[in-house]
């Protein structure tokens, strides 16, 4: 499954954004951190199981 550089950069930027959100939640306390982690998990699952799929093979 080839991935082009633009898609790779978008994925990496998404991860950096997530890390920043988690760090901010950590500064606010354990409860905020747990809520942020739950939200990040829901967003990942939404992307993973969305229909139609983000990645569509045209082969």
PDB file of N, CA and C in Angstrom:
ATOM      1  N   UNK A   1       0.853  -1.170   0.000  1.00  0.00           N
ATOM      2  CA  UNK A   1       0.000   0.000   0.000  1.00  0.00           C
ATOM      3  C   UNK A   1       0.896   1.230   0.000  1.00  0.00           C
ATOM      4  N   UNK A   2       1.158   1.786  -1.160  1.00  0.00           N
ATOM      5  CA  UNK A   2       2.022   2.968  -1.233  1.00  0.00           C
ATOM      6  C   UNK A   2       1.338   4.187  -0.615  1.00  0.00           C
ATOM      7  N   UNK A   3       2.133   4.987   0.015  1.00  0.00           N
ATOM      8  CA  UNK A   3       1.608   6.210   0.630  1.00  0.00           C
ATOM      9  C   UNK A   3       2.489   7.361   0.167  1.00  0.00           C
ATOM     10  N   UNK A   4       1.854   8.406  -0.285  1.00  0.00           N
ATOM     11  CA  UNK A   4       2.684   9.511  -0.777  1.00  0.00           C
ATOM     12  C   UNK A   4       3.120  10.413   0.383  1.00  0.00           C
ATOM     13  N   UNK A   5       4.055  11.286   0.087  1.00  0.00           N
ATOM     14  CA  UNK A   5       4.646  12.131   1.128  1.00  0.00           C
ATOM     15  C   UNK A   5       3.623  13.064   1.761  1.00  0.00           C
ATOM     16  N   UNK A   6       2.702  13.581   0.974  1.00  0.00           N
ATOM     17  CA  UNK A   6       1.688  14.494   1.511  1.00  0.00           C
ATOM     18  C   UNK A   6       0.818  13.778   2.548  1.00  0.00           C
ATOM     19  N   UNK A   7       0.377  12.566   2.238  1.00  0.00           N
ATOM     20  CA  UNK A   7      -0.444  11.812   3.194  1.00  0.00           C
ATOM     21  C   UNK A   7       0.341  11.496   4.455  1.00  0.00           C
ATOM     22  N   UNK A   8       1.600  11.156   4.285  1.00  0.00           N
ATOM     23  CA  UNK A   8       2.435  10.867   5.436  1.00  0.00           C
ATOM     24  C   UNK A   8       2.581  12.101   6.321  1.00  0.00           C
ATOM     25  N   UNK A   9       2.823  13.256   5.707  1.00  0.00           N
ATOM     26  CA  UNK A   9       2.954  14.506   6.464  1.00  0.00           C
ATOM     27  C   UNK A   9       1.665  14.843   7.202  1.00  0.00           C
ATOM     28  N   UNK A  10       0.522  14.647   6.569  1.00  0.00           N
ATOM     29  CA  UNK A  10      -0.759  14.917   7.222  1.00  0.00           C
ATOM     30  C   UNK A  10      -0.924  14.012   8.435  1.00  0.00           C
ATOM     31  N   UNK A  11      -0.578  12.743   8.290  1.00  0.00           N
ATOM     32  CA  UNK A  11      -0.680  11.812   9.417  1.00  0.00           C
ATOM     33  C   UNK A  11       0.235  12.225  10.562  1.00  0.00           C
ATOM     34  N   UNK A  12       1.443  12.631  10.234  1.00  0.00           N
ATOM     35  CA  UNK A  12       2.379  13.047  11.276  1.00  0.00           C
ATOM     36  C   UNK A  12       1.932  14.330  11.955  1.00  0.00           C
ATOM     37  N   UNK A  13       1.404  15.261  11.194  1.00  0.00           N
ATOM     38  CA  UNK A  13       0.894  16.502  11.787  1.00  0.00           C
ATOM     39  C   UNK A  13      -0.301  16.223  12.693  1.00  0.00           C
ATOM     40  N   UNK A  14      -1.165  15.297  12.300  1.00  0.00           N
ATOM     41  CA  UNK A  14      -2.286  14.903  13.157  1.00  0.00           C
ATOM     42  C   UNK A  14      -1.779  14.349  14.482  1.00  0.00           C
ATOM     43  N   UNK A  15      -0.743  13.553  14.423  1.00  0.00           N
ATOM     44  CA  UNK A  15      -0.180  12.985  15.658  1.00  0.00           C
ATOM     45  C   UNK A  15       0.429  14.068  16.539  1.00  0.00           C
ATOM     46  N   UNK A  16       1.131  15.017  15.919  1.00  0.00           N
ATOM     47  CA  UNK A  16       1.693  16.120  16.702  1.00  0.00           C
ATOM     48  C   UNK A  16       0.593  16.941  17.365  1.00  0.00           C
ATOM     49  N   UNK A  17      -0.502  17.185  16.652  1.00  0.00           N
ATOM     50  CA  UNK A  17      -1.640  17.901  17.241  1.00  0.00           C
ATOM     51  C   UNK A  17      -2.192  17.143  18.435  1.00  0.00           C
ATOM     52  N   UNK A  18      -2.314  15.832  18.304  1.00  0.00           N
ATOM     53  CA  UNK A  18      -2.849  15.017  19.391  1.00  0.00           C
ATOM     54  C   UNK A  18      -1.930  15.088  20.605  1.00  0.00           C
ATOM     55  N   UNK A  19      -0.635  15.011  20.394  1.00  0.00           N
ATOM     56  CA  UNK A  19       0.316  15.098  21.507  1.00  0.00           C
ATOM     57  C   UNK A  19       0.185  16.442  22.220  1.00  0.00           C
ATOM     58  N   UNK A  20       0.037  17.505  21.458  1.00  0.00           N
ATOM     59  CA  UNK A  20      -0.114  18.825  22.056  1.00  0.00           C
ATOM     60  C   UNK A  20      -1.391  18.905  22.903  1.00  0.00           C
ATOM     61  N   UNK A  21      -2.496  18.361  22.393  1.00  0.00           N
ATOM     62  CA  UNK A  21      -3.753  18.375  23.156  1.00  0.00           C
ATOM     63  C   UNK A  21      -3.623  17.571  24.448  1.00  0.00           C
ATOM     64  N   UNK A  22      -2.941  16.444  24.380  1.00  0.00           N
ATOM     65  CA  UNK A  22      -2.768  15.604  25.568  1.00  0.00           C
ATOM     66  C   UNK A  22      -1.881  16.300  26.592  1.00  0.00           C
ATOM     67  N   UNK A  23      -0.840  16.952  26.142  1.00  0.00           N
ATOM     68  CA  UNK A  23       0.032  17.681  27.085  1.00  0.00           C
ATOM     69  C   UNK A  23      -0.727  18.798  27.792  1.00  0.00           C
ATOM     70  N   UNK A  24      -1.569  19.519  27.057  1.00  0.00           N
ATOM     71  CA  UNK A  24      -2.362  20.586  27.678  1.00  0.00           C
ATOM     72  C   UNK A  24      -3.331  20.007  28.697  1.00  0.00           C
ATOM     73  N   UNK A  25      -3.930  18.873  28.369  1.00  0.00           N
ATOM     74  CA  UNK A  25      -4.863  18.237  29.305  1.00  0.00           C
ATOM     75  C   UNK A  25      -4.116  17.761  30.555  1.00  0.00           C
ATOM     76  N   UNK A  26      -2.899  17.268  30.382  1.00  0.00           N
ATOM     77  CA  UNK A  26      -2.100  16.803  31.515  1.00  0.00           C
ATOM     78  C   UNK A  26      -1.827  17.939  32.490  1.00  0.00           C
ATOM     79  N   UNK A  27      -1.565  19.123  31.960  1.00  0.00           N
ATOM     80  CA  UNK A  27      -1.307  20.287  32.822  1.00  0.00           C
ATOM     81  C   UNK A  27      -2.527  20.640  33.668  1.00  0.00           C
ATOM     82  N   UNK A  28      -3.721  20.331  33.167  1.00  0.00           N
ATOM     83  CA  UNK A  28      -4.947  20.675  33.889  1.00  0.00           C
ATOM     84  C   UNK A  28      -5.303  19.635  34.943  1.00  0.00           C
ATOM     85  N   UNK A  29      -4.724  18.455  34.857  1.00  0.00           N
ATOM     86  CA  UNK A  29      -4.996  17.452  35.878  1.00  0.00           C
ATOM     87  C   UNK A  29      -5.361  16.102  35.285  1.00  0.00           C
ATOM     88  N   UNK A  30      -5.405  15.118  36.187  1.00  0.00           N
ATOM     89  CA  UNK A  30      -5.628  13.735  35.766  1.00  0.00           C
ATOM     90  C   UNK A  30      -7.002  13.524  35.139  1.00  0.00           C
ATOM     91  N   UNK A  31      -8.031  14.149  35.682  1.00  0.00           N
ATOM     92  CA  UNK A  31      -9.386  13.981  35.136  1.00  0.00           C
ATOM     93  C   UNK A  31      -9.457  14.536  33.713  1.00  0.00           C
ATOM     94  N   UNK A  32      -8.894  15.702  33.500  1.00  0.00           N
ATOM     95  CA  UNK A  32      -8.878  16.316  32.170  1.00  0.00           C
ATOM     96  C   UNK A  32      -8.081  15.448  31.196  1.00  0.00           C
ATOM     97  N   UNK A  33      -6.977  14.887  31.670  1.00  0.00           N
ATOM     98  CA  UNK A  33      -6.157  14.021  30.833  1.00  0.00           C
ATOM     99  C   UNK A  33      -6.946  12.785  30.406  1.00  0.00           C
ATOM    100  N   UNK A  34      -7.632  12.163  31.327  1.00  0.00           N
ATOM    101  CA  UNK A  34      -8.436  10.972  31.011  1.00  0.00           C
ATOM    102  C   UNK A  34      -9.530  11.304  30.000  1.00  0.00           C
ATOM    103  N   UNK A  35     -10.184  12.446  30.171  1.00  0.00           N
ATOM    104  CA  UNK A  35     -11.223  12.864  29.225  1.00  0.00           C
ATOM    105  C   UNK A  35     -10.637  13.110  27.835  1.00  0.00           C
ATOM    106  N   UNK A  36      -9.465  13.714  27.774  1.00  0.00           N
ATOM    107  CA  UNK A  36      -8.816  13.981  26.486  1.00  0.00           C
ATOM    108  C   UNK A  36      -8.424  12.679  25.797  1.00  0.00           C
ATOM    109  N   UNK A  37      -7.888  11.733  26.551  1.00  0.00           N
ATOM    110  CA  UNK A  37      -7.527  10.438  25.977  1.00  0.00           C
ATOM    111  C   UNK A  37      -8.759   9.721  25.433  1.00  0.00           C
ATOM    112  N   UNK A  38      -9.870   9.779  26.155  1.00  0.00           N
ATOM    113  CA  UNK A  38     -11.121   9.170  25.676  1.00  0.00           C
ATOM    114  C   UNK A  38     -11.570   9.816  24.365  1.00  0.00           C
ATOM    115  N   UNK A  39     -11.470  11.140  24.291  1.00  0.00           N
ATOM    116  CA  UNK A  39     -11.869  11.851  23.081  1.00  0.00           C
ATOM    117  C   UNK A  39     -10.967  11.477  21.905  1.00  0.00           C
ATOM    118  N   UNK A  40      -9.662  11.404  22.133  1.00  0.00           N
ATOM    119  CA  UNK A  40      -8.729  11.034  21.066  1.00  0.00           C
ATOM    120  C   UNK A  40      -9.037   9.628  20.554  1.00  0.00           C
ATOM    121  N   UNK A  41      -9.340   8.728  21.470  1.00  0.00           N
ATOM    122  CA  UNK A  41      -9.677   7.364  21.072  1.00  0.00           C
ATOM    123  C   UNK A  41     -10.944   7.346  20.202  1.00  0.00           C
ATOM    124  N   UNK A  42     -11.965   8.092  20.600  1.00  0.00           N
ATOM    125  CA  UNK A  42     -13.200   8.151  19.801  1.00  0.00           C
ATOM    126  C   UNK A  42     -12.936   8.709  18.410  1.00  0.00           C
ATOM    127  N   UNK A  43     -12.089   9.736  18.307  1.00  0.00           N
ATOM    128  CA  UNK A  43     -11.783  10.317  17.001  1.00  0.00           C
ATOM    129  C   UNK A  43     -11.040   9.330  16.109  1.00  0.00           C
ATOM    130  N   UNK A  44     -10.114   8.586  16.686  1.00  0.00           N
ATOM    131  CA  UNK A  44      -9.373   7.588  15.910  1.00  0.00           C
ATOM    132  C   UNK A  44     -10.315   6.493  15.424  1.00  0.00           C
ATOM    133  N   UNK A  45     -11.172   6.024  16.290  1.00  0.00           N
ATOM    134  CA  UNK A  45     -12.116   4.975  15.903  1.00  0.00           C
ATOM    135  C   UNK A  45     -13.073   5.457  14.821  1.00  0.00           C
ATOM    136  N   UNK A  46     -13.492   6.726  14.904  1.00  0.00           N
ATOM    137  CA  UNK A  46     -14.365   7.293  13.879  1.00  0.00           C
ATOM    138  C   UNK A  46     -13.673   7.291  12.520  1.00  0.00           C
ATOM    139  N   UNK A  47     -12.420   7.693  12.501  1.00  0.00           N
ATOM    140  CA  UNK A  47     -11.662   7.705  11.248  1.00  0.00           C
ATOM    141  C   UNK A  47     -11.433   6.292  10.731  1.00  0.00           C
ATOM    142  N   UNK A  48     -11.161   5.375  11.635  1.00  0.00           N
ATOM    143  CA  UNK A  48     -10.863   4.003  11.254  1.00  0.00           C
ATOM    144  C   UNK A  48     -12.069   3.304  10.639  1.00  0.00           C
ATOM    145  N   UNK A  49     -13.246   3.554  11.189  1.00  0.00           N
ATOM    146  CA  UNK A  49     -14.433   2.831  10.755  1.00  0.00           C
ATOM    147  C   UNK A  49     -15.413   3.666   9.937  1.00  0.00           C
ATOM    148  N   UNK A  50     -15.001   4.839   9.479  1.00  0.00           N
ATOM    149  CA  UNK A  50     -15.920   5.682   8.723  1.00  0.00           C
ATOM    150  C   UNK A  50     -16.254   5.059   7.378  1.00  0.00           C
ATOM    151  N   UNK A  51     -17.414   5.388   6.889  1.00  0.00           N
ATOM    152  CA  UNK A  51     -17.836   4.939   5.565  1.00  0.00           C
ATOM    153  C   UNK A  51     -18.285   6.136   4.775  1.00  0.00           C
ATOM    154  N   UNK A  52     -17.900   6.303   3.555  1.00  0.00           N
ATOM    155  CA  UNK A  52     -16.974   5.408   2.862  1.00  0.00           C
ATOM    156  C   UNK A  52     -15.576   5.574   3.422  1.00  0.00           C
ATOM    157  N   UNK A  53     -14.763   4.570   3.215  1.00  0.00           N
ATOM    158  CA  UNK A  53     -13.409   4.587   3.735  1.00  0.00           C
ATOM    159  C   UNK A  53     -12.629   5.756   3.160  1.00  0.00           C
ATOM    160  N   UNK A  54     -11.718   6.295   3.944  1.00  0.00           N
ATOM    161  CA  UNK A  54     -10.868   7.400   3.484  1.00  0.00           C
ATOM    162  C   UNK A  54      -9.997   6.905   2.337  1.00  0.00           C
ATOM    163  N   UNK A  55      -9.414   5.728   2.504  1.00  0.00           N
ATOM    164  CA  UNK A  55      -8.524   5.157   1.499  1.00  0.00           C
ATOM    165  C   UNK A  55      -9.331   4.275   0.559  1.00  0.00           C
ATOM    166  N   UNK A  56      -9.283   4.583  -0.680  1.00  0.00           N
ATOM    167  CA  UNK A  56      -9.987   3.793  -1.682  1.00  0.00           C
ATOM    168  C   UNK A  56      -8.985   3.352  -2.734  1.00  0.00           C
ATOM    169  N   UNK A  57      -8.844   2.042  -2.890  1.00  0.00           N
ATOM    170  CA  UNK A  57      -7.919   1.514  -3.896  1.00  0.00           C
ATOM    171  C   UNK A  57      -8.585   1.584  -5.255  1.00  0.00           C
ATOM    172  N   UNK A  58      -7.905   2.177  -6.197  1.00  0.00           N
ATOM    173  CA  UNK A  58      -8.413   2.264  -7.561  1.00  0.00           C
ATOM    174  C   UNK A  58      -7.635   1.332  -8.478  1.00  0.00           C
ATOM    175  N   UNK A  59      -7.274   0.187  -7.962  1.00  0.00           N
ATOM    176  CA  UNK A  59      -6.475  -0.755  -8.743  1.00  0.00           C
ATOM    177  C   UNK A  59      -7.348  -1.804  -9.377  1.00  0.00           C
TER     178      UNK A  59
END
